[in-house]
Protein backbone atom coordinates (compact mmCIF):
# COMPACT_ATOMS: atom_id res chain seq x y z
CA UNK A 1 126.56 93.07 123.26
CA UNK A 2 127.27 89.96 125.03
CA UNK A 3 129.70 87.07 124.61
CA UNK A 4 127.86 83.68 125.24
CA UNK A 5 130.62 81.15 124.02
CA UNK A 6 131.23 78.52 126.06
CA UNK A 7 127.75 78.65 127.83
CA UNK A 8 124.90 76.04 127.76
CA UNK A 9 123.21 76.49 123.97
CA UNK A 10 119.93 77.22 125.46
CA UNK A 11 121.20 80.55 126.93
CA UNK A 12 123.14 81.30 123.36
CA UNK A 13 120.16 80.75 121.82
CA UNK A 14 118.03 82.86 124.35
CA UNK A 15 120.61 85.44 124.04
CA UNK A 16 120.32 85.57 120.34
CA UNK A 17 116.62 85.89 120.53
CA UNK A 18 116.94 88.50 122.65
CA UNK A 19 119.47 90.31 119.92
CA UNK A 20 122.30 90.19 122.54
CA UNK A 21 124.97 88.48 120.61
CA UNK A 22 127.61 89.88 118.25
CA UNK A 23 127.36 89.72 114.68
CA UNK A 24 129.85 87.08 114.00
CA UNK A 25 127.93 84.94 117.00
CA UNK A 26 125.02 85.53 115.09
CA UNK A 27 125.81 84.22 111.99
CA UNK A 28 127.51 81.18 114.11
CA UNK A 29 124.18 80.58 116.13
CA UNK A 30 122.25 80.34 112.68
CA UNK A 31 124.47 78.32 110.66
CA UNK A 32 124.76 75.62 113.88
CA UNK A 33 120.55 75.97 113.58
CA UNK A 34 120.44 75.30 109.82
CA UNK A 35 122.42 72.29 109.99
CA UNK A 36 121.31 70.50 113.91
CA UNK A 37 118.11 69.33 114.04
CA UNK A 38 117.94 69.30 117.73
CA UNK A 39 119.38 73.09 117.81
CA UNK A 40 116.68 73.91 115.58
CA UNK A 41 113.96 72.50 117.57
CA UNK A 42 115.40 73.80 121.05
CA UNK A 43 115.53 77.35 119.23
CA UNK A 44 111.54 76.79 118.27
CA UNK A 45 110.86 75.50 121.80
CA UNK A 46 112.31 78.78 123.25
CA UNK A 47 110.25 80.92 120.57
CA UNK A 48 107.13 79.41 121.70
CA UNK A 49 107.74 79.76 125.21
CA UNK A 50 108.69 83.27 125.04
CA UNK A 51 105.58 83.97 122.84
CA UNK A 52 103.74 82.19 125.30
CA UNK A 53 105.15 83.83 128.37
CA UNK A 54 104.59 87.18 126.67
CA UNK A 55 100.94 86.87 125.85
CA UNK A 56 100.15 85.46 129.08
CA UNK A 57 101.88 88.85 130.75
CA UNK A 58 99.85 90.78 128.44
CA UNK A 59 96.51 89.13 129.14
CA UNK A 60 97.30 89.61 132.56
CA UNK A 61 97.79 93.33 132.49
CA UNK A 62 94.63 93.61 130.53
CA UNK A 63 92.59 91.70 132.77
CA UNK A 64 89.36 93.21 133.76
CA UNK A 65 89.69 95.49 136.73
CA UNK A 66 86.74 95.26 139.18
CA UNK A 67 84.61 97.95 138.14
CA UNK A 68 83.99 99.14 142.06
CA UNK A 69 87.55 99.50 141.91
CA UNK A 70 87.40 101.96 138.69
CA UNK A 71 84.47 103.67 139.92
CA UNK A 72 86.46 104.78 143.19
CA UNK A 73 89.13 106.02 141.07
CA UNK A 74 86.93 107.98 138.75
CA UNK A 75 84.94 109.40 141.36
CA UNK A 76 87.66 110.11 143.73
CA UNK A 77 88.21 113.97 145.37
CA UNK A 78 88.59 116.51 142.57
CA UNK A 79 87.95 113.78 139.89
CA UNK A 80 85.13 114.37 137.13
CA UNK A 81 83.72 110.97 136.28
CA UNK A 82 82.16 112.63 133.16
CA UNK A 83 85.95 113.42 131.68
CA UNK A 84 88.12 110.90 133.14
CA UNK A 85 88.78 107.73 131.21
CA UNK A 86 90.79 104.57 132.22
CA UNK A 87 93.00 103.13 129.69
CA UNK A 88 95.01 100.12 129.64
CA UNK A 89 98.78 100.73 130.41
CA UNK A 90 100.72 99.64 127.75
CA UNK A 91 103.81 97.79 129.34
CA UNK A 92 107.35 100.05 128.48
CA UNK A 93 109.47 98.92 125.89
CA UNK A 94 112.63 98.77 127.74
CA UNK A 95 115.78 96.86 126.90
CA UNK A 96 116.29 93.90 128.98
CA UNK A 97 119.72 92.40 129.81
CA UNK A 98 120.40 89.20 128.26
CA UNK A 99 121.50 87.61 131.51
CA UNK A 100 118.36 87.22 133.68
CA UNK A 101 116.07 86.00 131.10
CA UNK A 102 118.58 83.52 129.69
CA UNK A 103 119.06 81.95 133.05
CA UNK A 104 115.63 81.98 133.61
CA UNK A 105 115.23 79.99 130.23
CA UNK A 106 117.91 77.43 131.23
CA UNK A 107 116.79 76.78 134.37
CA UNK A 108 112.99 76.37 133.14
CA UNK A 109 114.42 74.09 130.43
CA UNK A 110 116.56 71.97 132.87
CA UNK A 111 113.76 71.50 135.37
CA UNK A 112 110.98 70.64 132.73
CA UNK A 113 112.60 69.60 129.98
CA UNK A 114 112.03 65.63 130.18
CA UNK A 115 108.04 66.53 130.73
CA UNK A 116 105.94 69.71 130.56
CA UNK A 117 108.29 71.38 128.24
CA UNK A 118 108.71 68.84 125.83
CA UNK A 119 104.75 68.42 125.94
CA UNK A 120 104.58 71.90 124.87
CA UNK A 121 107.35 72.02 122.33
CA UNK A 122 106.92 68.77 120.86
CA UNK A 123 104.09 66.63 119.27
CA UNK A 124 103.73 63.00 118.88
CA UNK A 125 105.90 62.87 116.09
CA UNK A 126 108.60 65.21 117.99
CA UNK A 127 108.86 66.93 114.36
CA UNK A 128 105.86 69.53 113.97
CA UNK A 129 106.08 72.79 114.99
CA UNK A 130 104.60 74.12 118.37
CA UNK A 131 101.06 75.18 118.18
CA UNK A 132 99.69 78.59 119.25
CA UNK A 133 97.76 79.39 121.93
CA UNK A 134 95.04 81.91 121.51
CA UNK A 135 92.68 83.32 124.07
CA UNK A 136 89.43 82.57 123.55
CA UNK A 137 86.47 85.35 123.18
CA UNK A 138 83.36 85.39 124.68
CA UNK A 139 79.99 87.12 123.40
CA UNK A 140 80.84 89.69 125.72
CA UNK A 141 84.03 90.70 124.00
CA UNK A 142 82.12 90.83 120.57
CA UNK A 143 79.40 93.04 122.49
CA UNK A 144 81.98 95.40 124.03
CA UNK A 145 83.46 96.18 120.26
CA UNK A 146 80.23 96.69 119.05
CA UNK A 147 79.12 99.37 121.73
CA UNK A 148 82.50 100.91 121.47
CA UNK A 149 81.62 101.68 117.75
CA UNK A 150 77.66 102.34 117.94
CA UNK A 151 77.72 104.36 121.13
CA UNK A 152 79.69 107.13 119.09
CA UNK A 153 77.38 107.34 116.31
CA UNK A 154 75.04 110.37 115.64
CA UNK A 155 71.51 110.04 116.64
CA UNK A 156 70.12 109.22 113.00
CA UNK A 157 72.89 106.01 113.25
CA UNK A 158 72.84 105.04 116.55
CA UNK A 159 70.51 102.06 115.67
CA UNK A 160 69.08 99.80 112.98
CA UNK A 161 65.57 100.52 113.57
CA UNK A 162 64.32 103.64 115.74
CA UNK A 163 61.78 103.37 118.55
CA UNK A 164 58.10 103.73 117.43
CA UNK A 165 56.19 102.48 120.55
CA UNK A 166 54.25 100.09 118.23
CA UNK A 167 55.78 96.85 119.46
CA UNK A 168 57.39 96.37 115.94
CA UNK A 169 61.25 96.32 117.58
CA UNK A 170 59.79 93.80 120.17
CA UNK A 171 58.26 91.51 117.67
CA UNK A 172 61.25 91.51 115.30
CA UNK A 173 64.18 91.02 117.87
CA UNK A 174 62.39 88.24 119.61
CA UNK A 175 61.59 86.42 116.44
CA UNK A 176 65.00 86.78 115.30
CA UNK A 177 66.97 85.75 118.82
CA UNK A 178 64.27 83.67 120.10
CA UNK A 179 63.77 85.21 123.53
CA UNK A 180 60.61 86.64 124.46
CA UNK A 181 60.91 89.80 126.22
CA UNK A 182 59.11 93.21 127.36
CA UNK A 183 60.62 96.22 126.36
CA UNK A 184 62.26 98.18 129.80
CA UNK A 185 60.75 101.56 130.73
CA UNK A 186 63.86 103.17 132.04
CA UNK A 187 62.25 106.82 131.83
CA UNK A 188 62.55 106.99 135.87
CA UNK A 189 66.24 106.36 135.68
CA UNK A 190 66.70 109.18 133.39
CA UNK A 191 67.15 107.01 129.94
CA UNK A 192 65.13 107.46 126.72
CA UNK A 193 64.97 104.61 124.35
CA UNK A 194 66.44 104.85 121.03
CA UNK A 195 65.76 101.65 119.33
CA UNK A 196 67.31 98.50 118.83
CA UNK A 197 69.94 96.58 116.61
CA UNK A 198 70.53 92.92 115.64
CA UNK A 199 73.77 91.89 116.17
CA UNK A 200 75.82 88.25 116.10
CA UNK A 201 78.02 87.85 119.21
CA UNK A 202 79.63 84.78 119.71
CA UNK A 203 78.33 82.92 116.49
CA UNK A 204 74.77 83.60 117.54
CA UNK A 205 72.42 86.28 116.93
CA UNK A 206 71.80 89.04 119.70
CA UNK A 207 69.35 91.71 120.36
CA UNK A 208 70.26 95.48 121.21
CA UNK A 209 68.16 97.65 122.94
CA UNK A 210 69.94 101.47 122.91
CA UNK A 211 69.32 103.93 125.40
CA UNK A 212 70.52 107.53 126.02
CA UNK A 213 70.88 109.98 129.08
CA UNK A 214 70.40 113.64 129.01
CA UNK A 215 74.25 114.08 129.18
CA UNK A 216 74.29 112.05 125.82
CA UNK A 217 75.70 108.84 127.40
CA UNK A 218 74.67 105.63 125.67
CA UNK A 219 73.70 102.59 127.46
CA UNK A 220 72.82 99.07 126.06
CA UNK A 221 71.01 96.10 126.87
CA UNK A 222 72.14 93.09 124.87
CA UNK A 223 70.73 89.57 125.31
CA UNK A 224 71.17 85.96 123.53
CA UNK A 225 69.29 82.88 123.57
CA UNK A 226 71.48 79.69 125.64
CA UNK A 227 70.90 76.27 126.22
CA UNK A 228 67.78 75.12 127.96
CA UNK A 229 68.53 74.02 131.49
CA UNK A 230 71.45 76.45 132.06
CA UNK A 231 71.65 77.50 135.71
CA UNK A 232 71.20 80.96 136.50
CA UNK A 233 74.19 82.65 137.96
CA UNK A 234 74.75 86.01 139.95
CA UNK A 235 75.45 88.79 138.01
CA UNK A 236 78.99 89.65 136.89
CA UNK A 237 80.66 92.82 136.82
CA UNK A 238 83.67 93.43 134.11
CA UNK A 239 85.16 96.21 132.56
CA UNK A 240 86.80 96.68 128.98
CA UNK A 241 88.79 99.94 128.88
CA UNK A 242 85.80 102.99 129.20
CA UNK A 243 83.17 100.43 129.04
CA UNK A 244 81.66 98.60 131.97
CA UNK A 245 79.38 95.49 131.41
CA UNK A 246 76.87 93.96 134.02
CA UNK A 247 75.98 90.40 132.83
CA UNK A 248 73.76 87.22 134.01
CA UNK A 249 72.00 84.29 132.85
CA UNK A 250 68.07 84.14 133.60
CA UNK A 251 64.98 82.14 132.00
CA UNK A 252 67.08 80.64 128.92
CA UNK A 253 68.61 83.83 128.28
CA UNK A 254 71.94 85.50 128.59
CA UNK A 255 71.99 89.39 129.36
CA UNK A 256 74.32 91.96 129.65
CA UNK A 257 73.80 95.86 130.38
CA UNK A 258 76.34 97.95 128.76
CA UNK A 259 77.17 101.33 129.81
CA UNK A 260 80.22 104.05 130.65
CA UNK A 261 82.59 102.54 133.48
CA UNK A 262 82.19 106.16 135.10
CA UNK A 263 78.72 105.69 135.92
CA UNK A 264 78.27 104.60 139.63
CA UNK A 265 74.19 103.52 138.99
CA UNK A 266 75.09 100.59 136.25
CA UNK A 267 74.50 97.94 139.17
CA UNK A 268 71.10 99.24 140.03
CA UNK A 269 70.25 99.63 136.37
CA UNK A 270 70.91 96.19 135.70
CA UNK A 271 68.72 95.11 138.63
CA UNK A 272 66.03 97.21 136.87
CA UNK A 273 66.24 95.42 133.57
CA UNK A 274 66.68 92.15 135.06
CA UNK A 275 63.05 92.57 136.84
CA UNK A 276 61.40 94.17 133.90
CA UNK A 277 62.74 92.45 130.84
C-alpha cells in the first residue's frame, strides 16, 4: 500500500480507485468525499475517465482483424485451417502500481481540466452524473451473433423453412424484407442450399439463406432493405472471432456473406453472390 498523504487530491483519489491506499487512508478519503462536493465530483470524473479509457482500450483490442491476415495465419506452414481458430486475446489481469496511473491522471486533469475534461465530466448544470458512452452496434453484429448460434444447429434445426425448390422461400422472404432476389445456385462452389430464415437485425427484417459444404461448414447470405439512393459501396471484409463477413450495398439493399474465417474463398463466394442474387 502507498502513502499518498500530502499529494494532490487527484493522485490520492486515483490511488483510492486502484485499491492502493491503506485502510485508514481509505476511510479518510471516503469521509472527505461524503462531505465535500468538489471531492465527490472529482471522484466521479476519475471513475468516468477510468471507465471510458478501459472501454476504449478493450474495443481497440477487439477491433476486427483484417481477414487476409487471419487467413495467412491460419493457413501458414503446418496449420490446418479446419482445426485452428482465432480467438480474442483477453487482457491479462495484472496488478498495476499506483504511481504511473496516478501521475498520468493528475497530468491529464491539469491539462484538460478547464476545457475538455470538464465537458466530459460535467453537464450544463455542473451537478448531473457523467453519462456512459456505449459502442454502437450495427446489423452485422446481430448477424454474427445469429450465425454463431444457428451454424451449430443440426440439420433439422438449421433453418426455419427448408429448401423446397418451389419458390416458396423466395416469395416469403422477398415480401417480408422488401427486397426482390434470385436464389443463388452455389453448387459449383461446393455449397448446397439448406433453406432460409427471417431475422431481425438493426431493428429491421433480414432475410437469411443458409448453405452447407461437404465438410459441414455453414455459410449464410443475409440482406435487408436500405434507404433509396444509398450509394453502392465496395465490398468490406471484417472478422468477429471465428466468423468472417463480407458486406456491400447494391440496388437498395445491404448484403453480407458469412462463413468460417478459415475459408480462403469467401471473397470469391461473395463475388458470385453479388452477381447472381
